[in-house]
Amino acid sequence: MNVKLKRVIEEIEKTEKKISEWQEQLKQLRQQRKQLEDQEIIKSIRSMQMNGADMLKLLDGIQNGSVRFVSDAEGNMHMESGVKDAAESEDFEHENDEMV
């Protein structure tokens, strides 16, 4: 076999091996990043010192999109609630029905 061709084939094999190793390392780093992000989220939620019902209400609001967190110019996070809680809305409707 041609010496140049043999070297190119060997170089390709070494490069493919390195790519495979780097892909595995990248996969592990992404997994580690996700774990650290999850830990940070858990730490932040726990630091709010909410009771169980309020915590579930907050998490439900985040999941359904009625609660979101916004960062101000100084980098501080603030919670915004764009939609009234369903229970509050029902109570309000019942109070209006009783008034009529």
N, C-alpha and C. Protein backbone atom coordinates (compact mmCIF):
# COMPACT_ATOMS: atom_id res chain seq x y z
N MET A 1 0.85 -1.18 0.00
CA MET A 1 0.00 0.00 0.00
C MET A 1 0.90 1.24 0.00
N ASN A 2 0.43 2.26 -0.64
CA ASN A 2 1.13 3.53 -0.71
C ASN A 2 1.33 4.07 0.71
N VAL A 3 2.53 4.55 1.00
CA VAL A 3 2.89 5.03 2.33
C VAL A 3 2.04 6.25 2.72
N LYS A 4 1.84 7.16 1.79
CA LYS A 4 1.02 8.34 2.08
C LYS A 4 -0.41 7.95 2.39
N LEU A 5 -0.94 7.04 1.60
CA LEU A 5 -2.32 6.58 1.82
C LEU A 5 -2.44 5.91 3.18
N LYS A 6 -1.44 5.09 3.53
CA LYS A 6 -1.46 4.41 4.82
C LYS A 6 -1.45 5.42 5.96
N ARG A 7 -0.62 6.46 5.86
CA ARG A 7 -0.57 7.50 6.90
C ARG A 7 -1.90 8.24 7.01
N VAL A 8 -2.51 8.54 5.88
CA VAL A 8 -3.80 9.24 5.90
C VAL A 8 -4.85 8.36 6.57
N ILE A 9 -4.88 7.08 6.24
CA ILE A 9 -5.85 6.16 6.85
C ILE A 9 -5.62 6.08 8.36
N GLU A 10 -4.37 5.99 8.78
CA GLU A 10 -4.05 5.95 10.22
C GLU A 10 -4.46 7.25 10.90
N GLU A 11 -4.23 8.37 10.23
CA GLU A 11 -4.60 9.67 10.79
C GLU A 11 -6.12 9.78 10.93
N ILE A 12 -6.83 9.28 9.95
CA ILE A 12 -8.30 9.28 10.00
C ILE A 12 -8.78 8.45 11.19
N GLU A 13 -8.19 7.27 11.37
CA GLU A 13 -8.58 6.40 12.49
C GLU A 13 -8.30 7.07 13.84
N LYS A 14 -7.13 7.72 13.97
CA LYS A 14 -6.80 8.42 15.22
C LYS A 14 -7.77 9.57 15.46
N THR A 15 -8.09 10.29 14.40
CA THR A 15 -9.01 11.43 14.52
C THR A 15 -10.40 10.96 14.91
N GLU A 16 -10.86 9.89 14.28
CA GLU A 16 -12.19 9.34 14.63
C GLU A 16 -12.23 8.89 16.09
N LYS A 17 -11.14 8.30 16.56
CA LYS A 17 -11.06 7.86 17.96
C LYS A 17 -11.13 9.07 18.89
N LYS A 18 -10.38 10.14 18.56
CA LYS A 18 -10.39 11.35 19.37
C LYS A 18 -11.79 11.98 19.38
N ILE A 19 -12.41 12.01 18.21
CA ILE A 19 -13.76 12.58 18.12
C ILE A 19 -14.71 11.81 19.02
N SER A 20 -14.61 10.51 19.00
CA SER A 20 -15.47 9.67 19.85
C SER A 20 -15.23 9.96 21.33
N GLU A 21 -13.96 10.10 21.70
CA GLU A 21 -13.62 10.41 23.10
C GLU A 21 -14.14 11.78 23.49
N TRP A 22 -13.99 12.77 22.60
CA TRP A 22 -14.47 14.13 22.89
C TRP A 22 -15.99 14.16 22.98
N GLN A 23 -16.65 13.37 22.12
CA GLN A 23 -18.12 13.33 22.19
C GLN A 23 -18.58 12.75 23.52
N GLU A 24 -17.90 11.73 24.00
CA GLU A 24 -18.23 11.14 25.29
C GLU A 24 -17.98 12.14 26.41
N GLN A 25 -16.87 12.86 26.33
CA GLN A 25 -16.58 13.87 27.34
C GLN A 25 -17.62 14.99 27.31
N LEU A 26 -18.01 15.41 26.10
CA LEU A 26 -19.04 16.44 25.97
C LEU A 26 -20.37 15.97 26.56
N LYS A 27 -20.72 14.73 26.32
CA LYS A 27 -21.95 14.15 26.89
C LYS A 27 -21.90 14.18 28.42
N GLN A 28 -20.76 13.82 29.00
CA GLN A 28 -20.61 13.83 30.45
C GLN A 28 -20.67 15.26 31.00
N LEU A 29 -20.06 16.20 30.31
CA LEU A 29 -20.09 17.59 30.76
C LEU A 29 -21.50 18.16 30.70
N ARG A 30 -22.24 17.83 29.68
CA ARG A 30 -23.64 18.30 29.59
C ARG A 30 -24.49 17.70 30.70
N GLN A 31 -24.23 16.45 31.01
CA GLN A 31 -24.95 15.79 32.10
C GLN A 31 -24.60 16.46 33.43
N GLN A 32 -23.33 16.76 33.62
CA GLN A 32 -22.89 17.43 34.85
C GLN A 32 -23.51 18.82 34.95
N ARG A 33 -23.56 19.55 33.83
CA ARG A 33 -24.17 20.89 33.82
C ARG A 33 -25.63 20.81 34.24
N LYS A 34 -26.36 19.84 33.69
CA LYS A 34 -27.77 19.69 34.04
C LYS A 34 -27.95 19.38 35.52
N GLN A 35 -27.11 18.51 36.06
CA GLN A 35 -27.19 18.19 37.49
C GLN A 35 -26.93 19.43 38.34
N LEU A 36 -25.93 20.22 37.97
CA LEU A 36 -25.61 21.42 38.73
C LEU A 36 -26.72 22.47 38.61
N GLU A 37 -27.32 22.59 37.42
CA GLU A 37 -28.45 23.51 37.26
C GLU A 37 -29.63 23.06 38.12
N ASP A 38 -29.89 21.75 38.12
CA ASP A 38 -30.98 21.22 38.94
C ASP A 38 -30.74 21.48 40.42
N GLN A 39 -29.49 21.29 40.86
CA GLN A 39 -29.15 21.56 42.26
C GLN A 39 -29.37 23.03 42.60
N GLU A 40 -29.01 23.91 41.67
CA GLU A 40 -29.18 25.35 41.89
C GLU A 40 -30.66 25.71 41.99
N ILE A 41 -31.47 25.09 41.15
CA ILE A 41 -32.92 25.33 41.18
C ILE A 41 -33.49 24.87 42.53
N ILE A 42 -33.11 23.68 42.94
CA ILE A 42 -33.59 23.15 44.21
C ILE A 42 -33.16 24.04 45.36
N LYS A 43 -31.91 24.48 45.34
CA LYS A 43 -31.39 25.36 46.39
C LYS A 43 -32.20 26.66 46.42
N SER A 44 -32.48 27.22 45.27
CA SER A 44 -33.24 28.48 45.20
C SER A 44 -34.66 28.30 45.73
N ILE A 45 -35.31 27.23 45.32
CA ILE A 45 -36.68 26.97 45.77
C ILE A 45 -36.72 26.76 47.28
N ARG A 46 -35.78 25.97 47.80
CA ARG A 46 -35.76 25.72 49.24
C ARG A 46 -35.47 26.98 50.04
N SER A 47 -34.69 27.88 49.48
CA SER A 47 -34.35 29.10 50.21
C SER A 47 -35.56 30.03 50.36
N MET A 48 -36.63 29.78 49.63
CA MET A 48 -37.82 30.61 49.73
C MET A 48 -38.58 30.36 51.02
N GLN A 49 -38.29 29.27 51.70
CA GLN A 49 -38.90 28.92 52.98
C GLN A 49 -40.42 29.03 52.93
N MET A 50 -41.01 28.33 51.99
CA MET A 50 -42.47 28.32 51.84
C MET A 50 -43.02 27.05 52.46
N ASN A 51 -44.30 27.10 52.85
CA ASN A 51 -44.92 25.87 53.32
C ASN A 51 -45.26 24.99 52.11
N GLY A 52 -45.63 23.76 52.35
CA GLY A 52 -45.85 22.81 51.27
C GLY A 52 -46.89 23.25 50.26
N ALA A 53 -48.01 23.78 50.72
CA ALA A 53 -49.08 24.18 49.81
C ALA A 53 -48.64 25.35 48.93
N ASP A 54 -47.97 26.33 49.53
CA ASP A 54 -47.49 27.47 48.74
C ASP A 54 -46.44 27.04 47.73
N MET A 55 -45.58 26.10 48.14
CA MET A 55 -44.55 25.59 47.24
C MET A 55 -45.18 24.91 46.02
N LEU A 56 -46.18 24.07 46.27
CA LEU A 56 -46.86 23.39 45.17
C LEU A 56 -47.57 24.38 44.25
N LYS A 57 -48.16 25.40 44.84
CA LYS A 57 -48.84 26.44 44.07
C LYS A 57 -47.85 27.17 43.16
N LEU A 58 -46.68 27.50 43.71
CA LEU A 58 -45.64 28.18 42.94
C LEU A 58 -45.15 27.29 41.80
N LEU A 59 -44.84 26.04 42.10
CA LEU A 59 -44.34 25.14 41.07
C LEU A 59 -45.38 24.90 39.98
N ASP A 60 -46.64 24.78 40.38
CA ASP A 60 -47.72 24.62 39.40
C ASP A 60 -47.81 25.86 38.51
N GLY A 61 -47.68 27.04 39.11
CA GLY A 61 -47.72 28.28 38.34
C GLY A 61 -46.57 28.39 37.35
N ILE A 62 -45.41 27.93 37.76
CA ILE A 62 -44.25 27.95 36.85
C ILE A 62 -44.50 27.00 35.68
N GLN A 63 -45.02 25.82 35.97
CA GLN A 63 -45.24 24.83 34.92
C GLN A 63 -46.34 25.24 33.95
N ASN A 64 -47.41 25.88 34.45
CA ASN A 64 -48.49 26.24 33.54
C ASN A 64 -48.31 27.62 32.92
N GLY A 65 -47.24 28.32 33.30
CA GLY A 65 -46.91 29.59 32.66
C GLY A 65 -47.53 30.82 33.30
N SER A 66 -48.26 30.66 34.39
CA SER A 66 -48.88 31.81 35.02
C SER A 66 -47.92 32.55 35.95
N VAL A 67 -46.79 31.94 36.27
CA VAL A 67 -45.76 32.57 37.10
C VAL A 67 -44.46 32.53 36.31
N ARG A 68 -43.75 33.63 36.32
CA ARG A 68 -42.45 33.65 35.66
C ARG A 68 -41.50 34.53 36.46
N PHE A 69 -40.22 34.32 36.22
CA PHE A 69 -39.19 35.08 36.91
C PHE A 69 -38.52 36.01 35.90
N VAL A 70 -38.34 37.27 36.32
CA VAL A 70 -37.77 38.28 35.45
C VAL A 70 -36.55 38.88 36.16
N SER A 71 -35.51 39.12 35.39
CA SER A 71 -34.30 39.72 35.93
C SER A 71 -34.31 41.21 35.64
N ASP A 72 -34.00 42.02 36.67
CA ASP A 72 -33.93 43.47 36.46
C ASP A 72 -32.53 43.85 35.99
N ALA A 73 -32.30 45.14 35.79
CA ALA A 73 -31.03 45.62 35.26
C ALA A 73 -29.85 45.28 36.17
N GLU A 74 -30.11 45.13 37.46
CA GLU A 74 -29.05 44.82 38.42
C GLU A 74 -28.81 43.33 38.57
N GLY A 75 -29.59 42.53 37.85
CA GLY A 75 -29.42 41.08 37.91
C GLY A 75 -30.23 40.41 38.99
N ASN A 76 -31.10 41.15 39.68
CA ASN A 76 -31.95 40.57 40.71
C ASN A 76 -33.16 39.92 40.05
N MET A 77 -33.56 38.78 40.58
CA MET A 77 -34.71 38.06 40.03
C MET A 77 -35.98 38.45 40.79
N HIS A 78 -37.06 38.65 40.04
CA HIS A 78 -38.36 38.96 40.62
C HIS A 78 -39.40 38.03 40.02
N MET A 79 -40.35 37.64 40.83
CA MET A 79 -41.41 36.77 40.38
C MET A 79 -42.59 37.61 39.92
N GLU A 80 -43.14 37.25 38.75
CA GLU A 80 -44.33 37.93 38.25
C GLU A 80 -45.43 36.89 38.07
N SER A 81 -46.61 37.26 38.47
CA SER A 81 -47.76 36.38 38.29
C SER A 81 -48.73 37.09 37.35
N GLY A 82 -48.87 36.55 36.15
CA GLY A 82 -49.69 37.21 35.14
C GLY A 82 -51.13 36.78 35.15
N VAL A 83 -51.44 35.67 35.78
CA VAL A 83 -52.80 35.14 35.78
C VAL A 83 -53.23 34.91 37.22
N LYS A 84 -54.48 35.28 37.52
CA LYS A 84 -55.00 35.01 38.86
C LYS A 84 -55.10 33.52 39.09
N ASP A 85 -54.90 33.12 40.30
CA ASP A 85 -55.04 31.73 40.68
C ASP A 85 -56.47 31.27 40.43
N ALA A 86 -56.67 30.07 39.96
CA ALA A 86 -58.01 29.57 39.64
C ALA A 86 -58.91 29.57 40.86
N ALA A 87 -58.39 29.21 42.02
CA ALA A 87 -59.19 29.19 43.24
C ALA A 87 -59.64 30.61 43.59
N GLU A 88 -58.74 31.58 43.45
CA GLU A 88 -59.11 32.97 43.74
C GLU A 88 -60.18 33.44 42.76
N SER A 89 -60.04 33.06 41.52
CA SER A 89 -61.00 33.46 40.49
C SER A 89 -62.38 32.88 40.80
N GLU A 90 -62.43 31.60 41.21
CA GLU A 90 -63.70 30.97 41.54
C GLU A 90 -64.33 31.65 42.76
N ASP A 91 -63.51 31.94 43.78
CA ASP A 91 -64.03 32.62 44.97
C ASP A 91 -64.63 33.97 44.58
N PHE A 92 -63.96 34.69 43.72
CA PHE A 92 -64.42 36.00 43.28
C PHE A 92 -65.77 35.86 42.55
N GLU A 93 -65.90 34.85 41.70
CA GLU A 93 -67.14 34.63 40.97
C GLU A 93 -68.28 34.30 41.93
N HIS A 94 -67.98 33.45 42.93
CA HIS A 94 -69.01 33.08 43.92
C HIS A 94 -69.44 34.28 44.73
N GLU A 95 -68.50 35.15 45.08
CA GLU A 95 -68.85 36.35 45.84
C GLU A 95 -69.75 37.25 45.01
N ASN A 96 -69.49 37.37 43.75
CA ASN A 96 -70.32 38.21 42.86
C ASN A 96 -71.70 37.61 42.69
N ASP A 97 -71.81 36.27 42.62
CA ASP A 97 -73.10 35.62 42.50
C ASP A 97 -73.96 35.87 43.74
N GLU A 98 -73.31 35.86 44.91
CA GLU A 98 -74.05 36.07 46.16
C GLU A 98 -74.54 37.50 46.28
N MET A 99 -73.85 38.46 45.67
CA MET A 99 -74.23 39.85 45.75
C MET A 99 -75.47 40.13 44.91
N VAL A 100 -75.68 39.36 43.86
CA VAL A 100 -76.78 39.63 42.92
C VAL A 100 -78.09 39.16 43.46
